[in-house]
Amino acid sequence: MPLPLFMNGTHKLISDSALHSAAFSAQTLLPEQASLFPCLTKPLRISDAALSLTFNPQEMTDTEIDAMAEDLCAVLIRHLNINEAAISLALTRVSAANWKAEVYDPIILPSLARLYKKPGYSL
């Protein structure tokens, strides 16, 4: 997805591949924009990320789910300093009626000891 960028007073759209090309560097950014592109101020790590999220909010629209996916990818890019092409993301919606049988009992309970964030509820 192209990213908006102001260069020499002109608004431009920069593709993800251009951001990582040798021809494009942090020197072309305005100082206030450098924080938006950490991949240009430090070398990208060669790594991958896979995230699988199971969630319950049934009232989310497809547009809201798309926005959530974009936000999750942005967090991974920022914290892991990786390219978007290195990310795999799965989003699975499960109804409240099926949550205990499909998620809580088979996934959450057996993993409690190693969960980074534990649920504040029990079923």
PDB file of N, CA and C in Angstrom:
ATOM      1  N   MET A   1       0.842  -1.161   0.000  1.00  0.00           N
ATOM      2  CA  MET A   1       0.000   0.000   0.000  1.00  0.00           C
ATOM      3  C   MET A   1       0.897   1.237   0.000  1.00  0.00           C
ATOM      4  N   PRO A   2       0.661   2.184  -0.894  1.00  0.00           N
ATOM      5  CA  PRO A   2       1.484   3.395  -0.933  1.00  0.00           C
ATOM      6  C   PRO A   2       1.327   4.211   0.347  1.00  0.00           C
ATOM      7  N   LEU A   3       2.416   4.833   0.753  1.00  0.00           N
ATOM      8  CA  LEU A   3       2.414   5.657   1.950  1.00  0.00           C
ATOM      9  C   LEU A   3       2.570   7.117   1.548  1.00  0.00           C
ATOM     10  N   PRO A   4       1.827   8.031   2.199  1.00  0.00           N
ATOM     11  CA  PRO A   4       1.978   9.449   1.876  1.00  0.00           C
ATOM     12  C   PRO A   4       3.303   9.975   2.424  1.00  0.00           C
ATOM     13  N   LEU A   5       3.944  10.813   1.659  1.00  0.00           N
ATOM     14  CA  LEU A   5       5.228  11.345   2.074  1.00  0.00           C
ATOM     15  C   LEU A   5       5.380  12.736   1.485  1.00  0.00           C
ATOM     16  N   PHE A   6       5.923  13.676   2.251  1.00  0.00           N
ATOM     17  CA  PHE A   6       6.187  15.008   1.764  1.00  0.00           C
ATOM     18  C   PHE A   6       7.684  15.137   1.528  1.00  0.00           C
ATOM     19  N   MET A   7       8.051  15.387   0.292  1.00  0.00           N
ATOM     20  CA  MET A   7       9.466  15.552  -0.058  1.00  0.00           C
ATOM     21  C   MET A   7       9.619  16.871  -0.786  1.00  0.00           C
ATOM     22  N   ASN A   8      10.501  17.694  -0.298  1.00  0.00           N
ATOM     23  CA  ASN A   8      10.768  18.989  -0.923  1.00  0.00           C
ATOM     24  C   ASN A   8       9.484  19.775  -1.148  1.00  0.00           C
ATOM     25  N   GLY A   9       8.558  19.731  -0.177  1.00  0.00           N
ATOM     26  CA  GLY A   9       7.323  20.474  -0.249  1.00  0.00           C
ATOM     27  C   GLY A   9       6.265  19.859  -1.146  1.00  0.00           C
ATOM     28  N   THR A  10       6.526  18.690  -1.699  1.00  0.00           N
ATOM     29  CA  THR A  10       5.587  18.046  -2.611  1.00  0.00           C
ATOM     30  C   THR A  10       5.067  16.762  -1.993  1.00  0.00           C
ATOM     31  N   HIS A  11       3.754  16.554  -2.087  1.00  0.00           N
ATOM     32  CA  HIS A  11       3.145  15.336  -1.570  1.00  0.00           C
ATOM     33  C   HIS A  11       3.353  14.218  -2.583  1.00  0.00           C
ATOM     34  N   LYS A  12       3.874  13.085  -2.136  1.00  0.00           N
ATOM     35  CA  LYS A  12       4.094  11.948  -3.010  1.00  0.00           C
ATOM     36  C   LYS A  12       3.595  10.699  -2.317  1.00  0.00           C
ATOM     37  N   LEU A  13       3.283   9.677  -3.093  1.00  0.00           N
ATOM     38  CA  LEU A  13       2.970   8.365  -2.547  1.00  0.00           C
ATOM     39  C   LEU A  13       4.167   7.467  -2.801  1.00  0.00           C
ATOM     40  N   ILE A  14       4.647   6.833  -1.742  1.00  0.00           N
ATOM     41  CA  ILE A  14       5.823   5.981  -1.834  1.00  0.00           C
ATOM     42  C   ILE A  14       5.402   4.545  -1.567  1.00  0.00           C
ATOM     43  N   SER A  15       5.719   3.643  -2.451  1.00  0.00           N
ATOM     44  CA  SER A  15       5.349   2.246  -2.247  1.00  0.00           C
ATOM     45  C   SER A  15       6.267   1.620  -1.216  1.00  0.00           C
ATOM     46  N   ASP A  16       5.808   0.506  -0.618  1.00  0.00           N
ATOM     47  CA  ASP A  16       6.600  -0.212   0.379  1.00  0.00           C
ATOM     48  C   ASP A  16       7.936  -0.651  -0.213  1.00  0.00           C
ATOM     49  N   SER A  17       7.935  -1.118  -1.463  1.00  0.00           N
ATOM     50  CA  SER A  17       9.188  -1.569  -2.070  1.00  0.00           C
ATOM     51  C   SER A  17      10.151  -0.403  -2.261  1.00  0.00           C
ATOM     52  N   ALA A  18       9.624   0.769  -2.574  1.00  0.00           N
ATOM     53  CA  ALA A  18      10.494   1.941  -2.735  1.00  0.00           C
ATOM     54  C   ALA A  18      11.111   2.352  -1.410  1.00  0.00           C
ATOM     55  N   LEU A  19      10.366   2.168  -0.333  1.00  0.00           N
ATOM     56  CA  LEU A  19      10.907   2.532   0.978  1.00  0.00           C
ATOM     57  C   LEU A  19      12.142   1.723   1.318  1.00  0.00           C
ATOM     58  N   HIS A  20      12.218   0.515   0.790  1.00  0.00           N
ATOM     59  CA  HIS A  20      13.325  -0.372   1.128  1.00  0.00           C
ATOM     60  C   HIS A  20      14.374  -0.439   0.028  1.00  0.00           C
ATOM     61  N   SER A  21      14.237   0.382  -0.994  1.00  0.00           N
ATOM     62  CA  SER A  21      15.208   0.360  -2.077  1.00  0.00           C
ATOM     63  C   SER A  21      16.430   1.193  -1.703  1.00  0.00           C
ATOM     64  N   ALA A  22      17.528   0.902  -2.354  1.00  0.00           N
ATOM     65  CA  ALA A  22      18.773   1.617  -2.070  1.00  0.00           C
ATOM     66  C   ALA A  22      18.672   3.080  -2.473  1.00  0.00           C
ATOM     67  N   ALA A  23      17.811   3.404  -3.443  1.00  0.00           N
ATOM     68  CA  ALA A  23      17.701   4.775  -3.930  1.00  0.00           C
ATOM     69  C   ALA A  23      16.934   5.684  -2.980  1.00  0.00           C
ATOM     70  N   PHE A  24      16.199   5.128  -2.067  1.00  0.00           N
ATOM     71  CA  PHE A  24      15.382   5.920  -1.162  1.00  0.00           C
ATOM     72  C   PHE A  24      15.971   5.795   0.239  1.00  0.00           C
ATOM     73  N   SER A  25      16.262   6.877   0.883  1.00  0.00           N
ATOM     74  CA  SER A  25      16.896   6.806   2.194  1.00  0.00           C
ATOM     75  C   SER A  25      16.313   7.841   3.134  1.00  0.00           C
ATOM     76  N   ALA A  26      16.705   7.771   4.377  1.00  0.00           N
ATOM     77  CA  ALA A  26      16.195   8.678   5.399  1.00  0.00           C
ATOM     78  C   ALA A  26      16.540  10.134   5.083  1.00  0.00           C
ATOM     79  N   GLN A  27      17.556  10.384   4.281  1.00  0.00           N
ATOM     80  CA  GLN A  27      17.915  11.760   3.959  1.00  0.00           C
ATOM     81  C   GLN A  27      16.814  12.462   3.173  1.00  0.00           C
ATOM     82  N   THR A  28      15.915  11.727   2.527  1.00  0.00           N
ATOM     83  CA  THR A  28      14.853  12.356   1.752  1.00  0.00           C
ATOM     84  C   THR A  28      13.648  12.706   2.611  1.00  0.00           C
ATOM     85  N   LEU A  29      13.663  12.316   3.874  1.00  0.00           N
ATOM     86  CA  LEU A  29      12.540  12.585   4.769  1.00  0.00           C
ATOM     87  C   LEU A  29      12.708  13.903   5.491  1.00  0.00           C
ATOM     88  N   LEU A  30      11.599  14.545   5.785  1.00  0.00           N
ATOM     89  CA  LEU A  30      11.628  15.691   6.681  1.00  0.00           C
ATOM     90  C   LEU A  30      11.871  15.146   8.085  1.00  0.00           C
ATOM     91  N   PRO A  31      12.479  15.897   8.978  1.00  0.00           N
ATOM     92  CA  PRO A  31      12.783  15.385  10.320  1.00  0.00           C
ATOM     93  C   PRO A  31      11.575  14.815  11.048  1.00  0.00           C
ATOM     94  N   GLU A  32      10.411  15.474  10.906  1.00  0.00           N
ATOM     95  CA  GLU A  32       9.227  14.980  11.620  1.00  0.00           C
ATOM     96  C   GLU A  32       8.674  13.689  11.007  1.00  0.00           C
ATOM     97  N   GLN A  33       9.129  13.316   9.823  1.00  0.00           N
ATOM     98  CA  GLN A  33       8.662  12.086   9.181  1.00  0.00           C
ATOM     99  C   GLN A  33       9.557  10.889   9.474  1.00  0.00           C
ATOM    100  N   ALA A  34      10.768  11.115   9.912  1.00  0.00           N
ATOM    101  CA  ALA A  34      11.712  10.016  10.119  1.00  0.00           C
ATOM    102  C   ALA A  34      11.176   8.975  11.090  1.00  0.00           C
ATOM    103  N   SER A  35      10.438   9.402  12.117  1.00  0.00           N
ATOM    104  CA  SER A  35       9.915   8.441  13.091  1.00  0.00           C
ATOM    105  C   SER A  35       8.842   7.548  12.480  1.00  0.00           C
ATOM    106  N   LEU A  36       8.247   7.982  11.379  1.00  0.00           N
ATOM    107  CA  LEU A  36       7.224   7.168  10.718  1.00  0.00           C
ATOM    108  C   LEU A  36       7.836   6.026   9.913  1.00  0.00           C
ATOM    109  N   PHE A  37       9.121   6.112   9.627  1.00  0.00           N
ATOM    110  CA  PHE A  37       9.780   5.128   8.782  1.00  0.00           C
ATOM    111  C   PHE A  37      11.036   4.584   9.459  1.00  0.00           C
ATOM    112  N   PRO A  38      10.880   3.830  10.568  1.00  0.00           N
ATOM    113  CA  PRO A  38      12.056   3.325  11.264  1.00  0.00           C
ATOM    114  C   PRO A  38      12.895   2.403  10.391  1.00  0.00           C
ATOM    115  N   CYS A  39      12.283   1.802   9.372  1.00  0.00           N
ATOM    116  CA  CYS A  39      13.033   0.910   8.499  1.00  0.00           C
ATOM    117  C   CYS A  39      14.123   1.656   7.741  1.00  0.00           C
ATOM    118  N   LEU A  40      14.014   2.981   7.645  1.00  0.00           N
ATOM    119  CA  LEU A  40      15.018   3.756   6.929  1.00  0.00           C
ATOM    120  C   LEU A  40      16.128   4.239   7.841  1.00  0.00           C
ATOM    121  N   THR A  41      15.899   4.242   9.128  1.00  0.00           N
ATOM    122  CA  THR A  41      16.894   4.761  10.053  1.00  0.00           C
ATOM    123  C   THR A  41      17.708   3.653  10.705  1.00  0.00           C
ATOM    124  N   LYS A  42      17.291   2.411  10.542  1.00  0.00           N
ATOM    125  CA  LYS A  42      18.075   1.271  11.011  1.00  0.00           C
ATOM    126  C   LYS A  42      17.843   0.128  10.046  1.00  0.00           C
ATOM    127  N   PRO A  43      18.807  -0.762   9.899  1.00  0.00           N
ATOM    128  CA  PRO A  43      18.639  -1.828   8.912  1.00  0.00           C
ATOM    129  C   PRO A  43      17.515  -2.782   9.291  1.00  0.00           C
ATOM    130  N   LEU A  44      16.817  -3.288   8.270  1.00  0.00           N
ATOM    131  CA  LEU A  44      15.763  -4.260   8.517  1.00  0.00           C
ATOM    132  C   LEU A  44      16.373  -5.551   9.020  1.00  0.00           C
ATOM    133  N   ARG A  45      15.688  -6.161   9.960  1.00  0.00           N
ATOM    134  CA  ARG A  45      16.099  -7.475  10.424  1.00  0.00           C
ATOM    135  C   ARG A  45      15.577  -8.510   9.442  1.00  0.00           C
ATOM    136  N   ILE A  46      16.335  -9.547   9.270  1.00  0.00           N
ATOM    137  CA  ILE A  46      15.870 -10.638   8.426  1.00  0.00           C
ATOM    138  C   ILE A  46      15.171 -11.625   9.336  1.00  0.00           C
ATOM    139  N   SER A  47      13.850 -11.498   9.402  1.00  0.00           N
ATOM    140  CA  SER A  47      13.048 -12.367  10.245  1.00  0.00           C
ATOM    141  C   SER A  47      11.624 -12.365   9.717  1.00  0.00           C
ATOM    142  N   ASP A  48      10.824 -13.219  10.288  1.00  0.00           N
ATOM    143  CA  ASP A  48       9.431 -13.330   9.896  1.00  0.00           C
ATOM    144  C   ASP A  48       8.546 -13.253  11.124  1.00  0.00           C
ATOM    145  N   ALA A  49       7.274 -13.002  10.906  1.00  0.00           N
ATOM    146  CA  ALA A  49       6.307 -12.983  11.996  1.00  0.00           C
ATOM    147  C   ALA A  49       5.026 -13.646  11.516  1.00  0.00           C
ATOM    148  N   ALA A  50       4.476 -14.495  12.363  1.00  0.00           N
ATOM    149  CA  ALA A  50       3.191 -15.125  12.081  1.00  0.00           C
ATOM    150  C   ALA A  50       2.293 -14.881  13.286  1.00  0.00           C
ATOM    151  N   LEU A  51       1.132 -14.329  13.041  1.00  0.00           N
ATOM    152  CA  LEU A  51       0.200 -14.009  14.108  1.00  0.00           C
ATOM    153  C   LEU A  51      -1.163 -14.583  13.758  1.00  0.00           C
ATOM    154  N   SER A  52      -1.733 -15.327  14.686  1.00  0.00           N
ATOM    155  CA  SER A  52      -3.068 -15.880  14.512  1.00  0.00           C
ATOM    156  C   SER A  52      -3.925 -15.341  15.642  1.00  0.00           C
ATOM    157  N   LEU A  53      -4.964 -14.608  15.292  1.00  0.00           N
ATOM    158  CA  LEU A  53      -5.832 -13.984  16.276  1.00  0.00           C
ATOM    159  C   LEU A  53      -7.237 -14.541  16.142  1.00  0.00           C
ATOM    160  N   THR A  54      -7.745 -15.086  17.238  1.00  0.00           N
ATOM    161  CA  THR A  54      -9.125 -15.553  17.290  1.00  0.00           C
ATOM    162  C   THR A  54      -9.885 -14.544  18.131  1.00  0.00           C
ATOM    163  N   PHE A  55     -11.004 -14.056  17.635  1.00  0.00           N
ATOM    164  CA  PHE A  55     -11.711 -12.995  18.337  1.00  0.00           C
ATOM    165  C   PHE A  55     -13.209 -13.218  18.285  1.00  0.00           C
ATOM    166  N   ASN A  56     -13.926 -12.491  19.165  1.00  0.00           N
ATOM    167  CA  ASN A  56     -15.348 -12.707  19.340  1.00  0.00           C
ATOM    168  C   ASN A  56     -16.242 -11.550  18.904  1.00  0.00           C
ATOM    169  N   PRO A  57     -15.815 -10.326  18.818  1.00  0.00           N
ATOM    170  CA  PRO A  57     -16.772  -9.242  18.546  1.00  0.00           C
ATOM    171  C   PRO A  57     -17.506  -9.436  17.218  1.00  0.00           C
ATOM    172  N   GLN A  58     -18.699  -9.960  17.283  1.00  0.00           N
ATOM    173  CA  GLN A  58     -19.470 -10.274  16.087  1.00  0.00           C
ATOM    174  C   GLN A  58     -19.972  -9.029  15.358  1.00  0.00           C
ATOM    175  N   GLU A  59     -20.005  -7.893  16.026  1.00  0.00           N
ATOM    176  CA  GLU A  59     -20.561  -6.700  15.398  1.00  0.00           C
ATOM    177  C   GLU A  59     -19.550  -5.943  14.533  1.00  0.00           C
ATOM    178  N   MET A  60     -18.337  -6.433  14.402  1.00  0.00           N
ATOM    179  CA  MET A  60     -17.335  -5.761  13.570  1.00  0.00           C
ATOM    180  C   MET A  60     -17.656  -5.937  12.091  1.00  0.00           C
ATOM    181  N   THR A  61     -17.547  -4.851  11.343  1.00  0.00           N
ATOM    182  CA  THR A  61     -17.740  -4.915   9.904  1.00  0.00           C
ATOM    183  C   THR A  61     -16.452  -5.390   9.235  1.00  0.00           C
ATOM    184  N   ASP A  62     -16.539  -5.774   7.985  1.00  0.00           N
ATOM    185  CA  ASP A  62     -15.342  -6.176   7.251  1.00  0.00           C
ATOM    186  C   ASP A  62     -14.340  -5.020   7.167  1.00  0.00           C
ATOM    187  N   THR A  63     -14.838  -3.808   7.047  1.00  0.00           N
ATOM    188  CA  THR A  63     -13.961  -2.633   7.010  1.00  0.00           C
ATOM    189  C   THR A  63     -13.215  -2.476   8.328  1.00  0.00           C
ATOM    190  N   GLU A  64     -13.898  -2.676   9.447  1.00  0.00           N
ATOM    191  CA  GLU A  64     -13.250  -2.588  10.764  1.00  0.00           C
ATOM    192  C   GLU A  64     -12.227  -3.704  10.947  1.00  0.00           C
ATOM    193  N   ILE A  65     -12.533  -4.884  10.445  1.00  0.00           N
ATOM    194  CA  ILE A  65     -11.579  -6.001  10.542  1.00  0.00           C
ATOM    195  C   ILE A  65     -10.355  -5.719   9.680  1.00  0.00           C
ATOM    196  N   ASP A  66     -10.557  -5.170   8.487  1.00  0.00           N
ATOM    197  CA  ASP A  66      -9.432  -4.790   7.636  1.00  0.00           C
ATOM    198  C   ASP A  66      -8.540  -3.755   8.335  1.00  0.00           C
ATOM    199  N   ALA A  67      -9.165  -2.775   8.981  1.00  0.00           N
ATOM    200  CA  ALA A  67      -8.400  -1.744   9.702  1.00  0.00           C
ATOM    201  C   ALA A  67      -7.619  -2.366  10.857  1.00  0.00           C
ATOM    202  N   MET A  68      -8.244  -3.309  11.573  1.00  0.00           N
ATOM    203  CA  MET A  68      -7.548  -3.992  12.661  1.00  0.00           C
ATOM    204  C   MET A  68      -6.342  -4.761  12.125  1.00  0.00           C
ATOM    205  N   ALA A  69      -6.506  -5.440  11.003  1.00  0.00           N
ATOM    206  CA  ALA A  69      -5.403  -6.190  10.398  1.00  0.00           C
ATOM    207  C   ALA A  69      -4.254  -5.258  10.023  1.00  0.00           C
ATOM    208  N   GLU A  70      -4.580  -4.114   9.438  1.00  0.00           N
ATOM    209  CA  GLU A  70      -3.548  -3.134   9.082  1.00  0.00           C
ATOM    210  C   GLU A  70      -2.825  -2.628  10.329  1.00  0.00           C
ATOM    211  N   ASP A  71      -3.578  -2.351  11.397  1.00  0.00           N
ATOM    212  CA  ASP A  71      -2.972  -1.878  12.647  1.00  0.00           C
ATOM    213  C   ASP A  71      -2.064  -2.939  13.257  1.00  0.00           C
ATOM    214  N   LEU A  72      -2.500  -4.186  13.252  1.00  0.00           N
ATOM    215  CA  LEU A  72      -1.678  -5.273  13.796  1.00  0.00           C
ATOM    216  C   LEU A  72      -0.383  -5.415  13.004  1.00  0.00           C
ATOM    217  N   CYS A  73      -0.475  -5.333  11.696  1.00  0.00           N
ATOM    218  CA  CYS A  73       0.729  -5.407  10.863  1.00  0.00           C
ATOM    219  C   CYS A  73       1.665  -4.236  11.154  1.00  0.00           C
ATOM    220  N   ALA A  74       1.108  -3.057  11.326  1.00  0.00           N
ATOM    221  CA  ALA A  74       1.927  -1.875  11.626  1.00  0.00           C
ATOM    222  C   ALA A  74       2.661  -2.041  12.949  1.00  0.00           C
ATOM    223  N   VAL A  75       2.012  -2.618  13.944  1.00  0.00           N
ATOM    224  CA  VAL A  75       2.659  -2.865  15.242  1.00  0.00           C
ATOM    225  C   VAL A  75       3.821  -3.843  15.074  1.00  0.00           C
ATOM    226  N   LEU A  76       3.605  -4.908  14.320  1.00  0.00           N
ATOM    227  CA  LEU A  76       4.674  -5.885  14.094  1.00  0.00           C
ATOM    228  C   LEU A  76       5.838  -5.262  13.339  1.00  0.00           C
ATOM    229  N   ILE A  77       5.536  -4.471  12.330  1.00  0.00           N
ATOM    230  CA  ILE A  77       6.586  -3.800  11.563  1.00  0.00           C
ATOM    231  C   ILE A  77       7.395  -2.877  12.467  1.00  0.00           C
ATOM    232  N   ARG A  78       6.704  -2.102  13.299  1.00  0.00           N
ATOM    233  CA  ARG A  78       7.379  -1.137  14.172  1.00  0.00           C
ATOM    234  C   ARG A  78       8.230  -1.829  15.227  1.00  0.00           C
ATOM    235  N   HIS A  79       7.689  -2.837  15.897  1.00  0.00           N
ATOM    236  CA  HIS A  79       8.411  -3.451  17.011  1.00  0.00           C
ATOM    237  C   HIS A  79       9.430  -4.497  16.581  1.00  0.00           C
ATOM    238  N   LEU A  80       9.177  -5.183  15.481  1.00  0.00           N
ATOM    239  CA  LEU A  80      10.111  -6.205  15.023  1.00  0.00           C
ATOM    240  C   LEU A  80      11.060  -5.690  13.944  1.00  0.00           C
ATOM    241  N   ASN A  81      10.784  -4.472  13.459  1.00  0.00           N
ATOM    242  CA  ASN A  81      11.606  -3.846  12.430  1.00  0.00           C
ATOM    243  C   ASN A  81      11.728  -4.766  11.214  1.00  0.00           C
ATOM    244  N   ILE A  82      10.581  -5.216  10.713  1.00  0.00           N
ATOM    245  CA  ILE A  82      10.550  -6.108   9.563  1.00  0.00           C
ATOM    246  C   ILE A  82       9.702  -5.500   8.455  1.00  0.00           C
ATOM    247  N   ASN A  83       9.837  -6.038   7.283  1.00  0.00           N
ATOM    248  CA  ASN A  83       9.065  -5.622   6.121  1.00  0.00           C
ATOM    249  C   ASN A  83       7.697  -6.276   6.174  1.00  0.00           C
ATOM    250  N   GLU A  84       6.688  -5.619   5.641  1.00  0.00           N
ATOM    251  CA  GLU A  84       5.339  -6.168   5.636  1.00  0.00           C
ATOM    252  C   GLU A  84       5.278  -7.525   4.933  1.00  0.00           C
ATOM    253  N   ALA A  85       6.135  -7.755   3.956  1.00  0.00           N
ATOM    254  CA  ALA A  85       6.147  -9.030   3.233  1.00  0.00           C
ATOM    255  C   ALA A  85       6.542 -10.196   4.137  1.00  0.00           C
ATOM    256  N   ALA A  86       7.120  -9.915   5.298  1.00  0.00           N
ATOM    257  CA  ALA A  86       7.546 -10.970   6.222  1.00  0.00           C
ATOM    258  C   ALA A  86       6.446 -11.379   7.197  1.00  0.00           C
ATOM    259  N   ILE A  87       5.269 -10.784   7.075  1.00  0.00           N
ATOM    260  CA  ILE A  87       4.196 -11.013   8.045  1.00  0.00           C
ATOM    261  C   ILE A  87       3.118 -11.928   7.476  1.00  0.00           C
ATOM    262  N   SER A  88       2.725 -12.900   8.284  1.00  0.00           N
ATOM    263  CA  SER A  88       1.545 -13.722   8.001  1.00  0.00           C
ATOM    264  C   SER A  88       0.554 -13.441   9.113  1.00  0.00           C
ATOM    265  N   LEU A  89      -0.690 -13.174   8.750  1.00  0.00           N
ATOM    266  CA  LEU A  89      -1.702 -12.823   9.740  1.00  0.00           C
ATOM    267  C   LEU A  89      -2.987 -13.569   9.434  1.00  0.00           C
ATOM    268  N   ALA A  90      -3.492 -14.287  10.437  1.00  0.00           N
ATOM    269  CA  ALA A  90      -4.776 -14.986  10.315  1.00  0.00           C
ATOM    270  C   ALA A  90      -5.736 -14.402  11.344  1.00  0.00           C
ATOM    271  N   LEU A  91      -6.935 -14.070  10.914  1.00  0.00           N
ATOM    272  CA  LEU A  91      -7.971 -13.560  11.800  1.00  0.00           C
ATOM    273  C   LEU A  91      -9.160 -14.508  11.733  1.00  0.00           C
ATOM    274  N   THR A  92      -9.563 -15.042  12.885  1.00  0.00           N
ATOM    275  CA  THR A  92     -10.667 -15.995  12.926  1.00  0.00           C
ATOM    276  C   THR A  92     -11.724 -15.508  13.898  1.00  0.00           C
ATOM    277  N   ARG A  93     -12.919 -15.319  13.395  1.00  0.00           N
ATOM    278  CA  ARG A  93     -14.034 -14.881  14.231  1.00  0.00           C
ATOM    279  C   ARG A  93     -14.754 -16.120  14.763  1.00  0.00           C
ATOM    280  N   VAL A  94     -14.977 -16.168  16.079  1.00  0.00           N
ATOM    281  CA  VAL A  94     -15.685 -17.279  16.723  1.00  0.00           C
ATOM    282  C   VAL A  94     -16.840 -16.695  17.524  1.00  0.00           C
ATOM    283  N   SER A  95     -17.995 -17.295  17.417  1.00  0.00           N
ATOM    284  CA  SER A  95     -19.168 -16.781  18.132  1.00  0.00           C
ATOM    285  C   SER A  95     -19.018 -16.974  19.636  1.00  0.00           C
ATOM    286  N   ALA A  96     -19.707 -16.143  20.391  1.00  0.00           N
ATOM    287  CA  ALA A  96     -19.680 -16.256  21.856  1.00  0.00           C
ATOM    288  C   ALA A  96     -20.179 -17.623  22.292  1.00  0.00           C
ATOM    289  N   ALA A  97     -21.157 -18.164  21.587  1.00  0.00           N
ATOM    290  CA  ALA A  97     -21.708 -19.483  21.937  1.00  0.00           C
ATOM    291  C   ALA A  97     -20.676 -20.596  21.768  1.00  0.00           C
ATOM    292  N   ASN A  98     -19.726 -20.416  20.842  1.00  0.00           N
ATOM    293  CA  ASN A  98     -18.714 -21.449  20.581  1.00  0.00           C
ATOM    294  C   ASN A  98     -17.360 -21.154  21.219  1.00  0.00           C
ATOM    295  N   TRP A  99     -17.221 -20.010  21.874  1.00  0.00           N
ATOM    296  CA  TRP A  99     -15.921 -19.583  22.401  1.00  0.00           C
ATOM    297  C   TRP A  99     -15.306 -20.606  23.351  1.00  0.00           C
ATOM    298  N   LYS A 100     -16.058 -21.103  24.304  1.00  0.00           N
ATOM    299  CA  LYS A 100     -15.523 -22.058  25.285  1.00  0.00           C
ATOM    300  C   LYS A 100     -15.052 -23.335  24.594  1.00  0.00           C
ATOM    301  N   ALA A 101     -15.866 -23.898  23.726  1.00  0.00           N
ATOM    302  CA  ALA A 101     -15.529 -25.169  23.077  1.00  0.00           C
ATOM    303  C   ALA A 101     -14.424 -25.045  22.027  1.00  0.00           C
ATOM    304  N   GLU A 102     -14.410 -23.929  21.295  1.00  0.00           N
ATOM    305  CA  GLU A 102     -13.451 -23.789  20.193  1.00  0.00           C
ATOM    306  C   GLU A 102     -12.167 -23.050  20.561  1.00  0.00           C
ATOM    307  N   VAL A 103     -12.215 -22.219  21.600  1.00  0.00           N
ATOM    308  CA  VAL A 103     -11.049 -21.394  21.923  1.00  0.00           C
ATOM    309  C   VAL A 103     -10.578 -21.592  23.360  1.00  0.00           C
ATOM    310  N   TYR A 104     -11.445 -21.347  24.331  1.00  0.00           N
ATOM    311  CA  TYR A 104     -11.017 -21.351  25.730  1.00  0.00           C
ATOM    312  C   TYR A 104     -10.472 -22.712  26.162  1.00  0.00           C
ATOM    313  N   ASP A 105     -11.264 -23.769  25.979  1.00  0.00           N
ATOM    314  CA  ASP A 105     -10.832 -25.097  26.434  1.00  0.00           C
ATOM    315  C   ASP A 105      -9.642 -25.650  25.643  1.00  0.00           C
ATOM    316  N   PRO A 106      -9.660 -25.612  24.304  1.00  0.00           N
ATOM    317  CA  PRO A 106      -8.555 -26.239  23.583  1.00  0.00           C
ATOM    318  C   PRO A 106      -7.308 -25.371  23.401  1.00  0.00           C
ATOM    319  N   ILE A 107      -7.442 -24.044  23.474  1.00  0.00           N
ATOM    320  CA  ILE A 107      -6.292 -23.173  23.195  1.00  0.00           C
ATOM    321  C   ILE A 107      -5.810 -22.433  24.439  1.00  0.00           C
ATOM    322  N   ILE A 108      -6.709 -21.754  25.122  1.00  0.00           N
ATOM    323  CA  ILE A 108      -6.309 -20.905  26.251  1.00  0.00           C
ATOM    324  C   ILE A 108      -5.909 -21.728  27.470  1.00  0.00           C
ATOM    325  N   LEU A 109      -6.765 -22.614  27.921  1.00  0.00           N
ATOM    326  CA  LEU A 109      -6.466 -23.393  29.136  1.00  0.00           C
ATOM    327  C   LEU A 109      -5.142 -24.147  29.064  1.00  0.00           C
ATOM    328  N   PRO A 110      -4.859 -24.902  28.008  1.00  0.00           N
ATOM    329  CA  PRO A 110      -3.591 -25.628  27.967  1.00  0.00           C
ATOM    330  C   PRO A 110      -2.366 -24.707  27.884  1.00  0.00           C
ATOM    331  N   SER A 111      -2.562 -23.445  27.517  1.00  0.00           N
ATOM    332  CA  SER A 111      -1.450 -22.510  27.323  1.00  0.00           C
ATOM    333  C   SER A 111      -1.297 -21.495  28.451  1.00  0.00           C
ATOM    334  N   LEU A 112      -2.081 -21.576  29.496  1.00  0.00           N
ATOM    335  CA  LEU A 112      -2.076 -20.555  30.550  1.00  0.00           C
ATOM    336  C   LEU A 112      -0.681 -20.243  31.083  1.00  0.00           C
ATOM    337  N   ALA A 113       0.134 -21.252  31.297  1.00  0.00           N
ATOM    338  CA  ALA A 113       1.464 -21.035  31.878  1.00  0.00           C
ATOM    339  C   ALA A 113       2.372 -20.216  30.971  1.00  0.00           C
ATOM    340  N   ARG A 114       2.158 -20.270  29.676  1.00  0.00           N
ATOM    341  CA  ARG A 114       3.057 -19.558  28.764  1.00  0.00           C
ATOM    342  C   ARG A 114       2.425 -18.345  28.082  1.00  0.00           C
ATOM    343  N   LEU A 115       1.180 -18.024  28.428  1.00  0.00           N
ATOM    344  CA  LEU A 115       0.544 -16.846  27.847  1.00  0.00           C
ATOM    345  C   LEU A 115       1.212 -15.573  28.363  1.00  0.00           C
ATOM    346  N   TYR A 116       1.523 -14.670  27.486  1.00  0.00           N
ATOM    347  CA  TYR A 116       2.098 -13.394  27.885  1.00  0.00           C
ATOM    348  C   TYR A 116       1.030 -12.551  28.580  1.00  0.00           C
ATOM    349  N   LYS A 117      -0.164 -12.573  28.044  1.00  0.00           N
ATOM    350  CA  LYS A 117      -1.308 -11.874  28.634  1.00  0.00           C
ATOM    351  C   LYS A 117      -2.387 -12.910  28.902  1.00  0.00           C
ATOM    352  N   LYS A 118      -2.657 -13.140  30.165  1.00  0.00           N
ATOM    353  CA  LYS A 118      -3.668 -14.113  30.571  1.00  0.00           C
ATOM    354  C   LYS A 118      -5.050 -13.471  30.611  1.00  0.00           C
ATOM    355  N   PRO A 119      -6.089 -14.233  30.306  1.00  0.00           N
ATOM    356  CA  PRO A 119      -7.448 -13.662  30.366  1.00  0.00           C
ATOM    357  C   PRO A 119      -7.839 -13.335  31.798  1.00  0.00           C
ATOM    358  N   GLY A 120      -8.661 -12.325  31.931  1.00  0.00           N
ATOM    359  CA  GLY A 120      -9.156 -11.934  33.249  1.00  0.00           C
ATOM    360  C   GLY A 120     -10.485 -12.602  33.568  1.00  0.00           C
ATOM    361  N   TYR A 121     -10.722 -13.749  32.976  1.00  0.00           N
ATOM    362  CA  TYR A 121     -11.969 -14.483  33.181  1.00  0.00           C
ATOM    363  C   TYR A 121     -11.668 -15.973  33.147  1.00  0.00           C
ATOM    364  N   SER A 122     -12.610 -16.756  33.602  1.00  0.00           N
ATOM    365  CA  SER A 122     -12.507 -18.212  33.461  1.00  0.00           C
ATOM    366  C   SER A 122     -13.884 -18.736  33.044  1.00  0.00           C
ATOM    367  N   LEU A 123     -13.876 -19.841  32.339  1.00  0.00           N
ATOM    368  CA  LEU A 123     -15.131 -20.447  31.866  1.00  0.00           C
ATOM    369  C   LEU A 123     -15.256 -21.859  32.381  1.00  0.00           C
TER     370      LEU A 123
END
